[in-house]
Protein backbone atom coordinates (compact mmCIF):
# COMPACT_ATOMS: atom_id res chain seq x y z
CA MET A 1 87.63 104.20 71.61
CA GLU A 2 90.68 102.34 70.37
CA SER A 3 94.19 103.66 70.86
CA GLU A 4 97.40 102.61 69.14
CA LEU A 5 100.96 103.76 69.83
CA ALA A 6 101.87 103.39 66.19
CA LEU A 7 100.03 103.69 62.90
CA ASN A 8 101.16 102.90 59.37
CA GLU A 9 99.93 101.68 55.98
CA LYS A 10 100.18 98.04 57.00
CA ILE A 11 97.97 98.57 60.04
CA VAL A 12 95.32 100.38 57.99
CA SER A 13 95.44 97.65 55.35
CA ALA A 14 94.75 94.98 58.00
CA LEU A 15 91.67 96.69 59.49
CA PRO A 16 88.69 94.31 59.07
CA ALA A 17 85.44 95.30 57.38
CA PRO A 18 82.22 95.04 59.42
CA LYS A 19 79.45 92.71 58.29
CA THR A 20 77.11 95.67 57.80
CA GLY A 21 77.28 99.44 57.91
CA ASN A 22 80.47 101.28 58.82
CA ARG A 23 82.98 100.97 61.63
CA LEU A 24 85.31 103.64 63.04
CA HIS A 25 88.76 102.56 64.21
CA TYR A 26 90.12 105.39 66.39
CA PHE A 27 93.83 106.15 66.52
CA SER A 28 93.98 109.18 68.81
CA GLY A 29 97.60 109.87 69.73
CA ALA A 30 99.01 107.42 67.20
CA LYS A 31 102.52 108.31 66.01
CA LEU A 32 104.08 108.06 62.57
CA GLN A 33 107.40 109.59 61.60
CA GLY A 34 107.20 112.30 64.22
CA LYS A 35 103.55 113.16 63.54
CA VAL A 36 100.92 112.58 66.23
CA ALA A 37 97.28 112.03 65.35
CA PRO A 38 94.93 114.45 67.18
CA SER A 39 92.11 113.27 69.38
CA GLY A 40 89.21 111.97 67.27
CA PHE A 41 91.39 110.79 64.36
CA ALA A 42 90.00 107.53 62.96
CA VAL A 43 89.84 105.21 59.97
CA ARG A 44 86.34 104.45 58.72
CA VAL A 45 85.81 101.02 57.12
CA THR A 46 82.62 100.16 55.23
CA ALA A 47 81.06 96.73 54.84
CA ALA A 48 82.32 96.77 51.26
CA GLY A 49 85.90 97.21 52.52
CA ALA A 50 86.32 100.86 51.48
CA LYS A 51 88.53 102.85 53.88
CA SER A 52 88.83 106.55 54.55
CA PHE A 53 90.37 108.86 57.14
CA VAL A 54 87.99 110.86 59.31
CA TRP A 55 88.25 113.27 62.20
CA PHE A 56 85.63 113.49 64.93
CA HIS A 57 85.31 116.73 66.89
CA ARG A 58 82.77 118.93 68.69
CA VAL A 59 82.11 122.63 68.44
CA ASN A 60 79.85 124.19 71.09
CA GLY A 61 78.73 120.68 71.98
CA LYS A 62 77.68 119.81 68.42
CA PRO A 63 79.40 116.70 67.01
CA TYR A 64 80.98 116.61 63.56
CA LEU A 65 82.56 113.72 61.70
CA GLU A 66 84.72 115.11 58.93
CA THR A 67 86.05 113.03 56.04
CA LEU A 68 89.68 113.82 55.31
CA GLY A 69 90.25 111.55 52.33
CA ARG A 70 90.08 108.06 50.90
CA TRP A 71 92.76 105.42 51.57
CA ASP A 72 93.60 102.65 49.12
CA GLU A 73 96.54 100.32 48.71
CA GLN A 74 96.63 101.19 45.03
CA GLY A 75 96.77 104.89 45.78
CA GLY A 76 93.96 106.84 47.41
CA ASP A 77 93.59 110.51 48.27
CA LEU A 78 95.91 110.42 51.26
CA SER A 79 98.64 108.30 52.78
CA VAL A 80 98.51 107.65 56.53
CA ARG A 81 101.08 110.35 57.25
CA GLU A 82 99.30 112.86 55.01
CA ALA A 83 96.00 112.11 56.75
CA ILE A 84 97.53 112.73 60.20
CA ILE A 85 98.93 116.05 58.99
CA ALA A 86 95.54 117.02 57.51
CA ALA A 87 93.83 116.16 60.80
CA GLN A 88 96.42 118.19 62.75
CA GLN A 89 95.82 121.20 60.52
CA ARG A 90 92.04 120.96 60.85
CA ALA A 91 92.27 120.53 64.62
CA LYS A 92 94.48 123.61 64.91
CA ALA A 93 92.19 125.68 62.67
CA VAL A 94 89.11 124.75 64.68
CA ARG A 95 90.94 125.32 67.98
CA ASP A 96 92.12 128.77 66.84
CA GLY A 97 88.67 129.67 65.53
CA LEU A 98 89.86 130.03 61.96
CA GLY A 99 87.25 129.49 59.25
CA ASP A 100 84.07 127.43 59.43
CA PRO A 101 84.43 124.54 61.91
CA ARG A 102 81.86 122.47 60.03
CA PRO A 103 83.10 119.77 57.65
CA GLU A 104 82.77 120.73 54.00
CA ARG A 105 80.06 118.12 53.40
CA THR A 106 77.99 119.36 56.36
CA ARG A 107 78.43 122.96 55.25
CA ARG A 108 77.21 122.16 51.73
CA ILE A 109 74.18 120.29 53.07
CA GLU A 110 73.16 122.98 55.53
CA GLN A 111 73.67 125.75 52.99
CA GLY A 112 71.91 123.86 50.22
CA ASN A 113 74.96 124.17 48.00
CA ARG A 114 75.01 120.68 46.55
CA PRO A 115 76.84 120.05 43.26
CA ALA A 116 74.53 119.75 40.26
CA GLY A 117 73.58 116.24 39.17
CA GLU A 118 73.92 114.69 42.61
CA THR A 119 70.39 113.36 43.06
CA VAL A 120 69.19 109.89 43.96
CA ASP A 121 67.87 109.65 40.39
CA ASP A 122 71.40 110.12 39.06
CA MET A 123 72.91 107.68 41.52
CA LEU A 124 70.42 104.95 40.59
CA ASP A 125 71.00 105.55 36.87
CA GLN A 126 74.75 105.21 37.40
CA PHE A 127 74.24 101.99 39.36
CA ILE A 128 72.12 100.45 36.60
CA GLU A 129 74.36 101.44 33.71
CA ARG A 130 77.80 101.01 35.26
CA TYR A 131 77.25 98.12 37.65
CA ALA A 132 74.04 96.17 36.99
CA LYS A 133 74.37 96.10 33.19
CA LYS A 134 78.11 96.38 32.54
CA GLU A 135 80.21 95.25 35.52
CA ALA A 136 78.05 92.58 37.15
CA LYS A 137 75.78 91.95 34.14
CA LEU A 138 72.92 91.10 36.46
CA ARG A 139 70.13 89.06 34.93
CA SER A 140 67.76 91.08 37.11
CA ALA A 141 69.04 94.45 35.80
CA ASP A 142 65.84 95.19 33.88
CA ALA A 143 63.63 94.24 36.83
CA ILE A 144 65.69 96.44 39.16
CA GLU A 145 65.56 99.36 36.74
CA ASN A 146 61.80 98.97 36.40
CA ALA A 147 61.35 98.99 40.19
CA PHE A 148 63.50 102.12 40.47
CA ASP A 149 61.50 103.91 37.76
CA ARG A 150 58.08 102.95 39.14
CA LEU A 151 58.51 102.92 42.90
CA VAL A 152 61.73 104.61 43.99
CA LYS A 153 62.35 107.64 41.78
CA PRO A 154 58.86 109.16 42.18
CA SER A 155 59.35 109.15 45.98
CA ILE A 156 63.02 109.99 46.61
CA GLY A 157 64.54 110.52 43.17
CA LYS A 158 64.82 114.32 43.41
CA ILE A 159 66.48 114.30 46.82
CA GLY A 160 70.20 115.09 46.82
CA VAL A 161 72.44 112.07 47.32
CA TYR A 162 73.95 113.56 50.48
CA GLU A 163 70.64 114.85 51.81
CA LEU A 164 69.01 111.41 51.69
CA ARG A 165 67.96 110.34 55.17
CA ARG A 166 66.57 107.20 56.74
CA ARG A 167 63.13 108.76 57.16
CA HIS A 168 62.93 109.30 53.38
CA VAL A 169 63.54 105.62 52.76
CA VAL A 170 61.13 104.52 55.48
CA ASP A 171 58.35 106.76 54.14
CA MET A 172 58.92 105.38 50.65
CA LEU A 173 58.80 101.76 51.86
CA ASP A 174 55.62 102.49 53.83
CA LYS A 175 53.97 103.79 50.67
CA ILE A 176 55.11 100.78 48.62
CA ALA A 177 53.88 98.37 51.30
CA ASP A 178 50.47 100.11 51.42
CA GLU A 179 50.01 100.21 47.65
CA ASN A 180 51.90 97.13 46.43
CA GLY A 181 52.24 94.88 49.47
CA PRO A 182 55.01 94.20 51.99
CA VAL A 183 56.78 91.65 49.78
CA MET A 184 57.28 94.25 47.05
CA ALA A 185 58.51 96.72 49.66
CA ASP A 186 61.14 94.23 50.76
CA ARG A 187 62.11 93.54 47.17
CA VAL A 188 62.68 97.25 46.57
CA LEU A 189 64.60 97.45 49.84
CA ALA A 190 66.96 94.75 48.60
CA PHE A 191 67.45 96.60 45.31
CA ILE A 192 68.24 99.99 46.86
CA ARG A 193 70.48 98.38 49.49
CA LYS A 194 72.60 96.97 46.68
CA ALA A 195 72.70 100.35 44.93
CA PHE A 196 73.54 102.27 48.12
CA ASN A 197 76.30 99.82 49.07
CA TRP A 198 77.76 100.20 45.57
CA ARG A 199 77.81 103.97 46.02
CA SER A 200 79.34 103.70 49.52
CA ALA A 201 82.22 101.65 48.17
CA ARG A 202 82.98 104.40 45.65
CA ASP A 203 82.28 107.52 47.72
CA GLU A 204 83.51 107.93 51.30
CA GLU A 205 81.15 110.88 51.80
CA PHE A 206 78.05 108.82 51.13
CA ASN A 207 76.57 106.88 54.04
CA SER A 208 73.82 104.43 53.21
CA PRO A 209 70.61 105.24 55.15
CA ILE A 210 69.59 101.58 55.16
CA SER A 211 69.57 99.96 58.60
CA LYS A 212 68.40 96.76 60.25
CA GLY A 213 64.71 96.49 60.92
CA MET A 214 63.50 98.08 57.69
CA ALA A 215 62.23 94.80 56.19
CA ARG A 216 58.47 94.34 56.33
CA THR A 217 58.44 90.55 56.25
CA LYS A 218 60.66 87.64 57.22
CA ALA A 219 62.08 85.28 54.62
CA LYS A 220 60.56 82.35 56.51
CA ASP A 221 57.13 83.96 56.39
CA ARG A 222 57.46 84.74 52.67
CA ALA A 223 58.18 81.13 51.72
CA ARG A 224 55.20 79.80 49.76
CA THR A 225 53.85 76.27 50.05
CA ARG A 226 50.93 76.68 47.64
CA THR A 227 50.27 73.93 45.10
CA LEU A 228 47.30 73.56 42.82
CA THR A 229 44.71 70.99 43.78
CA ASP A 230 43.62 68.50 41.14
CA ASP A 231 40.40 70.46 40.58
CA GLU A 232 42.38 73.69 40.20
CA LEU A 233 44.82 72.04 37.81
CA ARG A 234 41.97 70.88 35.60
CA THR A 235 40.44 74.35 35.63
CA VAL A 236 43.72 76.09 34.85
CA TRP A 237 44.50 73.65 32.04
CA LYS A 238 41.19 74.41 30.30
CA ALA A 239 41.04 78.13 31.16
CA GLY A 240 42.30 79.73 28.01
CA GLU A 241 44.04 79.61 24.69
CA GLY A 242 46.97 81.39 23.13
CA THR A 243 50.59 81.91 24.09
CA PHE A 244 50.12 82.49 27.82
CA ALA A 245 47.87 79.44 28.23
CA ALA A 246 50.48 77.36 26.39
CA LEU A 247 53.17 78.71 28.73
CA VAL A 248 51.11 77.71 31.78
CA LYS A 249 50.80 74.15 30.51
CA PHE A 250 54.48 73.97 29.63
CA LEU A 251 55.47 75.14 33.11
CA LEU A 252 53.33 72.41 34.65
CA LEU A 253 54.87 69.76 32.39
CA THR A 254 58.51 70.82 32.93
CA ALA A 255 58.66 72.37 36.42
CA ALA A 256 60.69 75.14 34.79
CA ARG A 257 61.00 78.66 36.12
CA ARG A 258 58.90 81.29 34.37
CA SER A 259 61.93 83.19 33.06
CA GLU A 260 63.53 79.99 31.75
CA ALA A 261 60.51 79.01 29.68
CA ALA A 262 59.57 82.53 28.61
CA GLY A 263 63.00 83.11 27.08
CA MET A 264 63.23 79.72 25.42
CA THR A 265 64.22 79.70 21.76
CA TRP A 266 63.52 77.08 19.11
CA ASP A 267 67.27 76.55 18.73
CA GLU A 268 67.41 75.31 22.33
CA ILE A 269 65.15 72.37 21.43
CA LYS A 270 66.84 69.53 19.59
CA GLY A 271 65.84 65.88 19.35
CA GLY A 272 63.16 66.32 21.97
CA ASP A 273 65.63 67.80 24.46
CA TRP A 274 65.46 71.36 25.72
CA THR A 275 68.90 72.64 26.73
CA LEU A 276 68.74 75.68 28.98
CA PRO A 277 72.10 77.43 28.42
CA ALA A 278 74.28 78.35 31.38
CA SER A 279 73.83 82.03 30.54
CA ARG A 280 70.12 81.76 31.39
CA ASN A 281 70.36 79.25 34.21
CA LYS A 282 70.42 80.30 37.84
CA THR A 283 73.17 77.74 38.55
CA LYS A 284 75.31 78.99 35.63
CA LEU A 285 75.36 75.46 34.14
CA ASP A 286 73.76 74.00 31.03
CA LEU A 287 70.60 72.08 31.96
CA VAL A 288 69.20 69.43 29.64
CA ARG A 289 65.50 68.66 30.03
CA PRO A 290 64.26 65.66 27.97
CA LEU A 291 60.75 66.85 27.18
CA SER A 292 57.84 64.45 27.44
CA LYS A 293 55.60 63.88 24.44
CA THR A 294 52.86 65.86 26.19
CA ALA A 295 55.21 68.81 26.80
CA LEU A 296 56.28 68.86 23.14
CA ALA A 297 52.64 68.78 22.08
CA ALA A 298 51.87 71.73 24.37
CA LEU A 299 54.31 74.03 22.54
CA PRO A 300 52.64 76.75 20.45
CA ALA A 301 52.96 76.81 16.68
CA ARG A 302 56.20 78.32 15.47
CA THR A 303 56.02 81.98 14.44
CA LYS A 304 57.88 82.53 11.19
CA GLY A 305 61.00 84.64 11.63
CA CYS A 306 60.80 84.69 15.44
CA PRO A 307 63.36 82.69 17.45
CA TYR A 308 61.30 82.67 20.65
CA VAL A 309 58.91 79.82 21.37
CA PHE A 310 56.59 81.87 23.55
CA ASN A 311 56.01 85.23 21.89
CA THR A 312 53.05 87.52 21.37
CA ASP A 313 54.40 89.98 18.83
CA GLY A 314 56.43 87.78 16.48
CA GLU A 315 59.68 89.42 17.58
CA SER A 316 60.40 89.15 21.30
CA PRO A 317 59.76 86.74 24.19
CA ILE A 318 56.48 86.97 26.07
CA SER A 319 56.38 89.65 28.79
CA GLY A 320 53.78 91.60 30.74
CA PHE A 321 52.93 88.57 32.86
CA SER A 322 50.83 90.49 35.39
CA LYS A 323 48.33 91.57 32.75
CA PHE A 324 48.18 88.12 31.17
CA LYS A 325 47.77 86.54 34.60
CA ARG A 326 44.89 88.84 35.59
CA ASN A 327 42.97 88.02 32.42
CA PHE A 328 43.76 84.33 32.81
CA ASP A 329 42.52 84.32 36.42
CA LYS A 330 39.24 85.91 35.33
CA ALA A 331 38.76 83.16 32.77
CA ALA A 332 39.75 80.41 35.21
CA GLY A 333 37.92 81.78 38.23
CA ILE A 334 40.87 80.95 40.49
CA LYS A 335 42.83 83.39 42.64
CA GLY A 336 45.72 83.24 45.06
CA TRP A 337 48.14 81.29 42.90
CA SER A 338 51.31 82.30 41.07
CA LEU A 339 53.18 80.93 38.08
CA HIS A 340 55.93 79.74 40.42
CA ASP A 341 53.32 77.61 42.22
CA LEU A 342 53.17 75.53 39.03
CA ARG A 343 56.81 74.54 39.58
CA ARG A 344 56.01 73.42 43.12
CA THR A 345 52.90 71.60 41.87
CA ALA A 346 54.92 69.75 39.21
CA ARG A 347 57.55 68.70 41.75
CA SER A 348 54.82 67.37 44.08
CA LEU A 349 53.24 65.43 41.23
CA MET A 350 56.60 63.81 40.48
CA SER A 351 56.69 62.52 44.03
CA ARG A 352 53.10 61.29 43.67
CA GLY A 353 54.20 59.45 40.51
CA GLY A 354 57.00 57.66 42.37
CA VAL A 355 59.89 59.61 40.83
CA ASN A 356 63.17 59.26 42.69
CA SER A 357 63.81 62.43 44.74
CA ASP A 358 67.28 63.03 43.29
CA HIS A 359 65.99 62.63 39.75
CA ALA A 360 63.13 65.05 40.43
CA GLU A 361 65.52 67.63 41.87
CA ARG A 362 67.73 67.35 38.79
CA CYS A 363 64.69 67.95 36.60
CA LEU A 364 64.11 71.21 38.46
CA GLY A 365 67.73 72.18 37.87
CA HIS A 366 68.67 72.01 41.55
CA VAL A 367 72.29 71.24 42.35
CA ILE A 368 72.78 68.13 44.46
CA ALA A 369 74.64 69.19 47.57
CA GLY A 370 77.69 67.64 49.20
CA VAL A 371 80.24 65.18 47.92
CA ARG A 372 77.75 63.41 45.66
CA GLY A 373 77.04 66.64 43.81
CA THR A 374 80.75 67.25 43.37
CA TYR A 375 81.84 63.82 42.19
CA ASP A 376 78.76 62.37 40.51
CA ARG A 377 78.99 63.88 37.00
CA HIS A 378 76.51 61.49 35.38
CA GLU A 379 73.99 63.44 33.28
CA TYR A 380 70.95 61.29 34.31
CA HIS A 381 69.35 61.86 30.90
CA ALA A 382 67.34 58.63 30.88
CA GLU A 383 66.26 59.12 34.48
CA LYS A 384 65.08 62.68 33.84
CA LYS A 385 63.22 61.58 30.72
CA ALA A 386 61.40 58.94 32.75
CA ALA A 387 60.64 61.52 35.43
CA TYR A 388 59.07 63.93 32.93
CA GLU A 389 57.00 61.16 31.39
CA ALA A 390 55.81 60.19 34.88
CA LEU A 391 54.85 63.83 35.49
CA ALA A 392 52.92 63.94 32.22
CA THR A 393 51.17 60.69 33.15
CA GLN A 394 50.04 62.19 36.48
CA ILE A 395 48.74 65.35 34.78
CA ASN A 396 46.92 63.41 32.07
CA ALA A 397 45.34 61.17 34.70
CA ILE A 398 44.08 64.23 36.58
CA LEU A 399 42.68 65.75 33.41
CA GLU A 400 40.77 62.58 32.61
CA VAL A 401 38.85 62.73 35.87
CA GLU A 402 35.78 64.96 36.00
CA ALA A 403 36.09 67.68 38.63
CA GLY A 404 34.54 66.63 41.91
CA HIS A 405 34.30 62.92 40.93
CA GLU A 406 37.76 61.56 41.80
């Protein structure tokens, strides 16, 4: 336990935030303007930097950590002096046996007297609407909301925000891992961690139940190295017709991400160049891809009145990839590959075609690291065009060879 002879606003302001979780900075016996903090008086700091005053005490051997109020430089619930006074009053009341010694939050939990509308469902809805869609404007907001609706709310949605415990989260993740795989469980874990941290930064009474060791896989183990063999590429290329089949070919010919191509509009294609706007690019920069003749030929016919290149309803961009992929796999007779593997396959084919590594990376939209990436502002349009033509040449050469007779 830490001890300080003095305590003031400046000292509280300077308290560092932990990398994860919460940290208690104890100031038992600290003095401020004639007021002395009782034993167990502390400042709690969350990983998000939120600070609040708490008082730790025991009654009949049972420990209680009571939140006194939030502290903020812009004006929280209590100043440092007011928090010390509040802690003194609570310590005296508990010592004299006056009232319920349990903190208000603990009392509400144990008595089942939670305020209405304080469920995990409500918290997740607030996170999506206020943070994911409005404040941060996350591109993954819809995917996160879908995961909450399908996998999180049915398991823990009706539990009160302050009754949520680690075991609830662990049981939910176990179920997701059993039914949807460990990678999906980890994806949901990342989503709810973000939501719980957001709530913790806004509510000193809420403690996130997420802890280390909940992940089911390691990032290193999840990294895929799968590429399509030449035989598989030929099979996939000839496997089907329609919008999804056209998207598969386009991904192979451009090494684009699925979301980039799926949301592509006809207005983004001019003079043979496809410009992915910064608003849809992971790097937040415009990315110009000079399309090869083969890539342009692979585009589906334009749907009148629809701005999206790849659409199935004449109004919106293609979606429902899982269903399309299952049907496509049945037609192709190939399993164990993903649409993102096409991006890796295309990059490998560029290397096979002798494309300069830097030029290939720029085609993928990767940012060149270091000083070169900072100072070299050349657009490399001609080089990227040559790279895409080399990729198309490799694909066409593979297609011209009969399977099993290379």
